[in-house]
Amino acid sequence: MPGWTTEDIPDQTGRVAVVTGANSGLGYVTARELARKGARVVLACRSEARGTAAGDALVTDVPGAEVGFGRLDLGDLGRVRAFAERFPYDRIDVLVNNAGVMALPYGTTADGFETQFGVNHLGHFALTGRLLPLLLATPGARVVTVSSEMHALANIDLDDLNSEHRYRRWIAYGRSKSANLLFTHEFARRLAAHGADVVAAAAHPGYAATNLQSTAPRMEGRRLVGRMMELGNRAFAQSAEAGALPALYAATAPGVRPDSFTGPSFLMWRGAPAPSWRAPWTLDDAMGERLWAASERLTGVVYDRLRA
């Protein structure tokens, strides 16, 4: 792992990869580098215009790349179902649950869930469940869910998953990222219990310069905050290329362990991929099982083949 770069990604010829939120930032870099190594990549994006433009850019960056687009709105469970039903391949070797939102003002998804929990966790939970038959049918498949070092802000609150009692945007974000790790933990446990040949792992980018930081200030017209975020990105953040390395490592490197958490090596902030610290509550079996049950109930997506 020391000094691991995109040059170390194994050949991906013949493999199919799905990357959510692949139209920009970490998702675009992840998709581009998988395509560069020969994978057929599906860009799963909410906006058809931005997704198509990203596909065109990717083919320019990687001539001959096999790239497809699939419309996916993680904030709408009906569209998650439609994406899975229209999926054009009979296998999925790599699913990178990358898309996300951060520190938004309070809002709800199409299905009435608090936006950050609904998009960051429930949307990806439903997507993975819908695609599970293809994942189980593909030898050595991997599911990489992108969390954040900011998960340390808060554990999930099973009595208030949708932050209906009190909404604090950064706490809600931390809870959604803890949910990502608890999902990975429980998913890995269930896969192992059923002898499934799928690796569920997690990763985080550290502090990487993407448009994630500026979305909320832009939505609220907070120009000064948006400007400060931009300056912080320029001064302190690593590039999207560097930020994507942990997810790429988790998705492709030999010997990645189930339920591992990969992030930047230097203070969880920047640097080459390395094992990352995670809060103890993200390894709680009982909490993981309860979140799983709540997620199945809320989304209506039941992992029948991985029943506890």
Protein backbone atom coordinates (compact mmCIF):
# COMPACT_ATOMS: atom_id res chain seq x y z
CA MET A 1 0.00 0.00 0.00
CA PRO A 2 2.80 2.56 0.62
CA GLY A 3 2.98 4.95 -2.32
CA TRP A 4 0.05 3.27 -4.10
CA THR A 5 -1.03 5.18 -7.22
CA THR A 6 -3.28 4.66 -10.22
CA GLU A 7 -0.36 2.96 -11.92
CA ASP A 8 -0.87 0.09 -9.48
CA ILE A 9 -4.50 -0.54 -10.49
CA PRO A 10 -4.65 -4.08 -11.93
CA ASP A 11 -5.94 -4.65 -15.46
CA GLN A 12 -9.73 -4.26 -15.49
CA THR A 13 -10.37 -5.61 -19.00
CA GLY A 14 -13.67 -7.49 -19.17
CA ARG A 15 -14.92 -6.05 -15.88
CA VAL A 16 -17.98 -3.84 -15.39
CA ALA A 17 -17.90 -0.94 -12.96
CA VAL A 18 -20.70 1.30 -11.74
CA VAL A 19 -19.81 4.65 -10.15
CA THR A 20 -22.50 6.86 -8.64
CA GLY A 21 -22.06 10.60 -8.90
CA ALA A 22 -19.55 10.11 -11.69
CA ASN A 23 -20.19 13.36 -13.54
CA SER A 24 -17.63 15.36 -11.51
CA GLY A 25 -15.05 15.33 -8.75
CA LEU A 26 -14.10 12.07 -7.07
CA GLY A 27 -16.66 10.06 -9.02
CA TYR A 28 -15.41 11.25 -12.39
CA VAL A 29 -11.78 10.50 -11.49
CA THR A 30 -12.75 7.06 -10.16
CA ALA A 31 -14.66 6.22 -13.35
CA ARG A 32 -11.92 7.59 -15.59
CA GLU A 33 -9.15 5.57 -13.95
CA LEU A 34 -11.18 2.36 -14.01
CA ALA A 35 -11.87 2.96 -17.70
CA ARG A 36 -8.21 3.69 -18.33
CA LYS A 37 -7.44 0.19 -17.05
CA GLY A 38 -9.97 -1.39 -19.39
CA ALA A 39 -13.22 -1.56 -17.38
CA ARG A 40 -16.61 -0.93 -18.96
CA VAL A 41 -17.86 1.93 -16.82
CA VAL A 42 -21.42 3.04 -16.15
CA LEU A 43 -21.71 6.64 -15.01
CA ALA A 44 -24.70 6.69 -12.66
CA CYS A 45 -25.75 10.33 -12.37
CA ARG A 46 -28.85 12.35 -11.52
CA SER A 47 -28.51 14.77 -14.42
CA GLU A 48 -28.59 13.30 -17.91
CA ALA A 49 -26.96 16.41 -19.38
CA ARG A 50 -24.07 16.41 -16.91
CA GLY A 51 -23.70 12.64 -17.07
CA THR A 52 -23.57 12.63 -20.85
CA ALA A 53 -21.08 15.50 -20.87
CA ALA A 54 -18.91 13.60 -18.39
CA GLY A 55 -19.04 10.54 -20.63
CA ASP A 56 -17.90 12.61 -23.60
CA ALA A 57 -15.08 14.11 -21.55
CA LEU A 58 -14.02 10.69 -20.32
CA VAL A 59 -13.78 9.31 -23.85
CA THR A 60 -11.64 12.33 -24.73
CA ASP A 61 -9.39 11.64 -21.74
CA VAL A 62 -9.29 7.90 -22.42
CA PRO A 63 -9.71 7.24 -26.15
CA GLY A 64 -11.44 3.94 -26.78
CA ALA A 65 -12.97 3.77 -23.31
CA GLU A 66 -16.24 1.84 -22.97
CA VAL A 67 -18.51 4.26 -21.14
CA GLY A 68 -22.24 4.24 -20.59
CA PHE A 69 -24.65 6.53 -18.77
CA GLY A 70 -27.51 5.56 -16.46
CA ARG A 71 -29.85 8.08 -14.90
CA LEU A 72 -29.85 7.60 -11.14
CA ASP A 73 -31.44 9.88 -8.56
CA LEU A 74 -30.55 8.52 -5.13
CA GLY A 75 -33.15 10.81 -3.62
CA ASP A 76 -35.96 9.01 -5.42
CA LEU A 77 -36.42 5.31 -4.73
CA GLY A 78 -38.51 4.91 -7.87
CA ARG A 79 -35.59 6.09 -9.99
CA VAL A 80 -33.23 3.80 -8.09
CA ARG A 81 -35.49 0.89 -9.01
CA ALA A 82 -35.68 2.05 -12.64
CA PHE A 83 -31.88 2.27 -12.88
CA ALA A 84 -31.49 -1.30 -11.65
CA GLU A 85 -34.25 -2.62 -13.93
CA ARG A 86 -32.65 -1.02 -16.98
CA PHE A 87 -29.08 -2.02 -16.16
CA PRO A 88 -27.60 -3.24 -19.46
CA TYR A 89 -25.02 -5.79 -18.29
CA ASP A 90 -25.30 -9.26 -16.77
CA ARG A 91 -22.52 -8.68 -14.24
CA ILE A 92 -21.13 -6.02 -11.90
CA ASP A 93 -17.55 -6.39 -10.78
CA VAL A 94 -17.25 -3.06 -8.98
CA LEU A 95 -19.95 -0.85 -7.49
CA VAL A 96 -18.63 2.42 -6.07
CA ASN A 97 -21.25 4.15 -3.92
CA ASN A 98 -19.65 7.56 -4.26
CA ALA A 99 -22.39 10.17 -4.73
CA GLY A 100 -23.36 12.30 -1.78
CA VAL A 101 -24.44 15.63 -0.40
CA MET A 102 -22.95 17.55 2.52
CA ALA A 103 -24.24 19.96 5.16
CA LEU A 104 -27.33 21.01 3.23
CA PRO A 105 -30.14 23.07 4.73
CA TYR A 106 -32.98 20.88 5.93
CA GLY A 107 -34.91 19.24 3.12
CA THR A 108 -36.46 15.92 2.20
CA THR A 109 -36.12 13.46 -0.66
CA ALA A 110 -38.92 12.48 -3.01
CA ASP A 111 -39.84 9.77 -0.50
CA GLY A 112 -39.86 12.08 2.52
CA PHE A 113 -36.48 11.21 4.06
CA GLU A 114 -34.11 13.86 5.40
CA THR A 115 -31.96 14.64 2.37
CA GLN A 116 -28.51 13.72 3.68
CA PHE A 117 -29.61 10.45 5.26
CA GLY A 118 -31.88 9.70 2.30
CA VAL A 119 -29.27 10.27 -0.40
CA ASN A 120 -26.02 9.31 1.31
CA HIS A 121 -27.30 6.15 3.00
CA LEU A 122 -30.79 5.02 2.03
CA GLY A 123 -30.32 5.66 -1.69
CA HIS A 124 -27.14 3.62 -1.79
CA PHE A 125 -28.64 0.93 0.44
CA ALA A 126 -31.53 0.58 -2.01
CA LEU A 127 -29.26 0.65 -5.06
CA THR A 128 -26.94 -2.04 -3.69
CA GLY A 129 -29.91 -4.20 -2.78
CA ARG A 130 -31.45 -3.83 -6.24
CA LEU A 131 -28.14 -4.78 -7.86
CA LEU A 132 -27.35 -7.57 -5.39
CA PRO A 133 -28.28 -10.49 -7.73
CA LEU A 134 -25.73 -9.27 -10.30
CA LEU A 135 -23.10 -8.71 -7.63
CA LEU A 136 -23.59 -12.19 -6.19
CA ALA A 137 -23.37 -13.69 -9.67
CA THR A 138 -20.02 -12.01 -10.40
CA PRO A 139 -16.94 -13.76 -8.98
CA GLY A 140 -14.89 -11.44 -6.77
CA ALA A 141 -17.29 -8.50 -6.99
CA ARG A 142 -16.69 -5.52 -4.72
CA VAL A 143 -18.93 -2.85 -3.25
CA VAL A 144 -17.06 0.25 -2.09
CA THR A 145 -19.06 2.80 -0.14
CA VAL A 146 -17.50 6.23 0.24
CA SER A 147 -17.81 7.59 3.77
CA SER A 148 -15.92 10.50 5.35
CA GLU A 149 -13.62 11.24 8.26
CA MET A 150 -16.48 13.51 9.33
CA HIS A 151 -18.42 10.42 10.37
CA ALA A 152 -16.71 11.02 13.73
CA LEU A 153 -19.08 13.95 14.33
CA ALA A 154 -21.98 11.71 15.31
CA ASN A 155 -23.32 8.21 15.61
CA ILE A 156 -26.69 7.47 14.06
CA ASP A 157 -29.79 8.09 16.15
CA LEU A 158 -32.11 5.15 15.60
CA ASP A 159 -34.95 7.07 17.24
CA ASP A 160 -34.53 10.02 14.88
CA LEU A 161 -33.00 8.76 11.65
CA ASN A 162 -34.57 11.59 9.67
CA SER A 163 -33.54 14.36 12.09
CA GLU A 164 -37.14 15.31 12.70
CA HIS A 165 -36.64 16.30 16.36
CA ARG A 166 -33.72 18.65 15.76
CA TYR A 167 -31.77 19.35 12.59
CA ARG A 168 -28.14 20.35 12.69
CA ARG A 169 -26.65 20.09 9.23
CA TRP A 170 -23.18 18.89 10.19
CA ILE A 171 -24.47 16.41 12.75
CA ALA A 172 -26.88 15.06 10.13
CA TYR A 173 -23.98 14.73 7.69
CA GLY A 174 -21.87 12.89 10.27
CA ARG A 175 -24.75 10.53 10.99
CA SER A 176 -25.20 9.76 7.30
CA LYS A 177 -21.50 8.96 6.96
CA SER A 178 -21.60 6.77 10.08
CA ALA A 179 -24.54 5.01 8.43
CA ASN A 180 -22.33 4.34 5.40
CA LEU A 181 -19.80 2.58 7.62
CA LEU A 182 -22.41 0.67 9.60
CA PHE A 183 -23.97 -0.46 6.32
CA THR A 184 -20.57 -1.72 5.15
CA HIS A 185 -20.00 -3.50 8.47
CA GLU A 186 -23.36 -5.27 8.47
CA PHE A 187 -23.20 -6.01 4.74
CA ALA A 188 -19.77 -7.63 5.13
CA ARG A 189 -21.05 -9.67 8.08
CA ARG A 190 -24.04 -10.96 6.15
CA LEU A 191 -22.00 -11.75 3.04
CA ALA A 192 -19.56 -13.78 5.15
CA ALA A 193 -22.38 -15.63 6.92
CA HIS A 194 -23.78 -16.73 3.56
CA GLY A 195 -20.40 -17.59 2.02
CA ALA A 196 -20.87 -14.95 -0.69
CA ASP A 197 -17.95 -14.05 -2.93
CA VAL A 198 -18.46 -10.28 -2.63
CA VAL A 199 -16.24 -7.88 -0.71
CA ALA A 200 -17.93 -4.93 1.00
CA ALA A 201 -15.43 -2.23 1.90
CA ALA A 202 -15.41 1.48 2.62
CA ALA A 203 -13.15 4.40 1.79
CA HIS A 204 -12.89 8.13 2.31
CA PRO A 205 -11.03 10.87 0.40
CA GLY A 206 -9.70 12.93 3.30
CA TYR A 207 -9.93 16.62 2.47
CA ALA A 208 -10.24 16.72 -1.30
CA ALA A 209 -11.15 19.71 -3.44
CA THR A 210 -14.52 19.04 -5.07
CA ASN A 211 -17.77 20.94 -5.56
CA LEU A 212 -19.25 19.16 -2.52
CA GLN A 213 -18.12 21.91 -0.16
CA SER A 214 -19.70 24.75 -2.15
CA THR A 215 -23.11 23.22 -2.86
CA ALA A 216 -24.86 24.26 0.36
CA PRO A 217 -23.52 27.86 0.38
CA ARG A 218 -24.55 28.21 -3.26
CA MET A 219 -28.06 26.90 -2.53
CA GLU A 220 -28.50 29.43 0.27
CA GLY A 221 -26.85 32.40 -1.42
CA ARG A 222 -24.11 32.55 1.23
CA ARG A 223 -21.42 33.98 -1.03
CA LEU A 224 -18.87 34.69 1.70
CA VAL A 225 -19.08 31.14 3.05
CA GLY A 226 -18.82 29.77 -0.47
CA ARG A 227 -15.76 31.92 -1.12
CA MET A 228 -14.14 30.73 2.12
CA MET A 229 -14.77 27.12 1.09
CA GLU A 230 -13.10 27.76 -2.25
CA LEU A 231 -10.09 29.37 -0.60
CA GLY A 232 -9.85 26.48 1.87
CA ASN A 233 -9.85 24.02 -1.01
CA ARG A 234 -7.04 25.88 -2.72
CA ALA A 235 -4.93 26.24 0.41
CA PHE A 236 -5.39 22.93 2.21
CA ALA A 237 -7.19 20.31 0.14
CA GLN A 238 -5.61 17.65 -2.01
CA SER A 239 -6.78 17.21 -5.57
CA ALA A 240 -9.75 15.11 -6.65
CA GLU A 241 -7.19 12.82 -8.31
CA ALA A 242 -5.54 12.18 -4.94
CA GLY A 243 -8.86 12.02 -3.11
CA ALA A 244 -10.12 9.24 -5.37
CA LEU A 245 -7.16 6.96 -4.63
CA PRO A 246 -8.59 5.31 -1.47
CA ALA A 247 -11.78 4.28 -3.27
CA LEU A 248 -9.80 3.05 -6.26
CA TYR A 249 -7.56 1.05 -3.94
CA ALA A 250 -10.54 -0.51 -2.17
CA ALA A 251 -12.15 -1.29 -5.52
CA THR A 252 -9.18 -2.89 -7.25
CA ALA A 253 -6.16 -3.71 -5.08
CA PRO A 254 -5.49 -7.39 -4.32
CA GLY A 255 -6.25 -8.57 -0.81
CA VAL A 256 -8.66 -5.84 0.29
CA ARG A 257 -10.39 -7.12 3.42
CA PRO A 258 -14.14 -7.08 3.94
CA ASP A 259 -15.25 -4.18 6.15
CA SER A 260 -11.92 -2.41 5.72
CA PHE A 261 -11.82 1.40 5.72
CA THR A 262 -9.21 3.03 3.49
CA GLY A 263 -8.27 6.69 3.54
CA PRO A 264 -5.32 9.04 3.09
CA SER A 265 -2.24 8.11 5.09
CA PHE A 266 -1.42 11.50 6.66
CA LEU A 267 -3.80 12.31 9.53
CA MET A 268 -6.75 10.99 7.50
CA TRP A 269 -6.31 14.19 5.47
CA ARG A 270 -4.05 13.59 2.49
CA GLY A 271 -1.51 11.18 1.06
CA ALA A 272 -1.42 7.65 -0.33
CA PRO A 273 -4.13 5.12 0.62
CA ALA A 274 -3.76 3.50 4.04
CA PRO A 275 -5.94 1.80 6.67
CA SER A 276 -8.01 4.51 8.33
CA TRP A 277 -9.27 5.02 11.87
CA ARG A 278 -13.01 4.68 12.37
CA ALA A 279 -15.27 5.42 15.30
CA PRO A 280 -16.06 2.38 17.48
CA TRP A 281 -19.79 2.76 16.91
CA THR A 282 -19.32 1.92 13.23
CA LEU A 283 -18.27 -1.60 14.27
CA ASP A 284 -21.25 -2.25 16.54
CA ASP A 285 -22.98 -5.46 15.42
CA ALA A 286 -26.25 -4.71 17.20
CA MET A 287 -26.42 -1.16 15.83
CA GLY A 288 -25.59 -2.39 12.34
CA GLU A 289 -28.36 -4.97 12.46
CA ARG A 290 -30.90 -2.43 13.68
CA LEU A 291 -29.93 0.11 11.01
CA TRP A 292 -30.20 -2.63 8.39
CA ALA A 293 -33.71 -3.55 9.53
CA ALA A 294 -34.76 0.10 9.55
CA SER A 295 -33.26 0.63 6.09
CA GLU A 296 -35.16 -2.33 4.65
CA ARG A 297 -38.37 -1.05 6.20
CA LEU A 298 -37.92 2.53 5.00
CA THR A 299 -36.84 1.69 1.44
CA GLY A 300 -38.87 -1.45 0.88
CA VAL A 301 -35.72 -3.08 -0.50
CA VAL A 302 -35.16 -6.43 1.22
CA TYR A 303 -31.91 -8.35 0.77
CA ASP A 304 -33.69 -11.71 0.57
CA ARG A 305 -30.55 -13.68 -0.22
CA LEU A 306 -28.74 -12.31 2.83
CA ARG A 307 -31.39 -12.76 5.48
CA ALA A 308 -29.89 -12.87 8.96
